[in-house]
């Protein structure tokens, strides 16, 4: 049960880091010409949306052993070794610089 909670927490944190580490480049300007109406239509509409190239960051999720204090029933705690997630995020700009 504890392992599942740690894995889920690691994946959620990795996903949030992934959104922050994206490198977005605008590759085309957008254009929106909405139709104009009076009583009758005088102009056709034209919509050109902007294009983007998105380079996602590199995310490595691994596990490592850590000693943590785990509460036990009673007034004392015991140190146990658990497997906890380890997340490393390389932002897209740093990843591109290494190439």
Protein backbone atom coordinates (compact mmCIF):
# COMPACT_ATOMS: atom_id res chain seq x y z
CA UNK A 1 0.00 0.00 0.00
CA UNK A 2 2.74 2.47 0.95
CA UNK A 3 4.70 1.69 -2.21
CA UNK A 4 1.69 2.47 -4.39
CA UNK A 5 1.16 5.82 -2.68
CA UNK A 6 4.81 6.78 -3.22
CA UNK A 7 4.76 5.70 -6.86
CA UNK A 8 1.58 7.69 -7.52
CA UNK A 9 3.05 10.75 -5.76
CA UNK A 10 6.19 10.43 -7.86
CA UNK A 11 4.25 10.20 -11.11
CA UNK A 12 2.10 13.22 -10.21
CA UNK A 13 5.18 15.29 -9.35
CA UNK A 14 6.93 14.17 -12.55
CA UNK A 15 3.92 15.19 -14.61
CA UNK A 16 3.82 18.63 -13.00
CA UNK A 17 7.56 19.11 -13.62
CA UNK A 18 7.09 18.00 -17.21
CA UNK A 19 4.59 20.78 -17.85
CA UNK A 20 6.94 23.38 -16.37
CA UNK A 21 10.01 22.21 -18.29
CA UNK A 22 8.58 22.40 -21.84
CA UNK A 23 10.33 24.52 -24.43
CA UNK A 24 7.74 26.08 -26.78
CA UNK A 25 8.67 27.78 -30.06
CA UNK A 26 6.05 29.67 -32.11
CA UNK A 27 6.51 28.65 -35.76
CA UNK A 28 3.68 30.55 -37.47
CA UNK A 29 1.58 33.64 -36.71
CA UNK A 30 -2.15 33.19 -36.35
CA UNK A 31 -4.81 35.04 -38.32
CA UNK A 32 -8.51 35.31 -37.53
CA UNK A 33 -10.83 37.16 -39.88
CA UNK A 34 -14.31 36.78 -38.45
CA UNK A 35 -17.24 37.17 -40.82
CA UNK A 36 -18.97 40.56 -40.71
CA UNK A 37 -22.76 40.67 -40.82
CA UNK A 38 -25.28 43.39 -41.32
CA UNK A 39 -28.63 42.26 -42.60
CA UNK A 40 -26.85 40.04 -45.10
CA UNK A 41 -23.36 38.51 -45.06
CA UNK A 42 -20.77 40.86 -46.62
CA UNK A 43 -17.56 38.86 -46.12
CA UNK A 44 -16.53 35.20 -45.70
CA UNK A 45 -14.56 34.29 -42.59
CA UNK A 46 -10.98 33.00 -42.59
CA UNK A 47 -9.19 31.44 -39.62
CA UNK A 48 -5.51 30.45 -39.57
CA UNK A 49 -4.33 29.20 -36.19
CA UNK A 50 -0.70 29.61 -35.04
CA UNK A 51 1.56 26.56 -35.13
CA UNK A 52 3.94 25.58 -32.32
CA UNK A 53 6.85 23.15 -32.00
CA UNK A 54 6.99 21.78 -28.45
CA UNK A 55 10.05 19.97 -27.09
CA UNK A 56 9.16 18.03 -23.94
CA UNK A 57 11.67 17.61 -21.11
CA UNK A 58 13.35 14.31 -20.26
CA UNK A 59 11.92 12.80 -17.04
CA UNK A 60 13.56 9.87 -15.26
CA UNK A 61 11.64 8.23 -12.39
CA UNK A 62 13.65 5.71 -10.36
CA UNK A 63 13.58 4.37 -6.81
CA UNK A 64 16.12 4.43 -4.02
CA UNK A 65 16.27 3.09 -0.48
CA UNK A 66 15.81 5.66 2.32
CA UNK A 67 15.64 5.29 6.10
CA UNK A 68 12.54 7.04 7.44
CA UNK A 69 10.87 7.12 10.83
CA UNK A 70 7.62 5.18 10.62
CA UNK A 71 5.11 5.64 13.43
CA UNK A 72 4.06 2.44 15.17
CA UNK A 73 1.02 1.84 17.35
CA UNK A 74 2.18 3.22 20.68
CA UNK A 75 4.39 6.13 21.61
CA UNK A 76 7.54 5.19 19.71
CA UNK A 77 8.74 5.11 16.09
CA UNK A 78 10.96 2.63 14.31
CA UNK A 79 13.31 3.30 11.42
CA UNK A 80 12.45 1.27 8.34
CA UNK A 81 13.97 1.22 4.87
CA UNK A 82 11.39 1.97 2.19
CA UNK A 83 11.61 2.31 -1.58
CA UNK A 84 10.70 5.90 -2.50
CA UNK A 85 10.45 7.48 -5.96
CA UNK A 86 13.32 9.61 -7.24
CA UNK A 87 12.43 12.04 -10.03
CA UNK A 88 14.99 13.81 -12.21
CA UNK A 89 13.75 16.36 -14.76
CA UNK A 90 15.98 17.78 -17.48
CA UNK A 91 14.32 20.88 -19.03
CA UNK A 92 14.02 20.82 -22.81
CA UNK A 93 16.54 23.64 -23.35
CA UNK A 94 19.22 21.81 -21.29
CA UNK A 95 18.42 18.54 -23.09
CA UNK A 96 18.89 20.26 -26.46
CA UNK A 97 22.18 21.83 -25.29
CA UNK A 98 23.62 18.37 -24.45
CA UNK A 99 23.01 17.12 -28.03
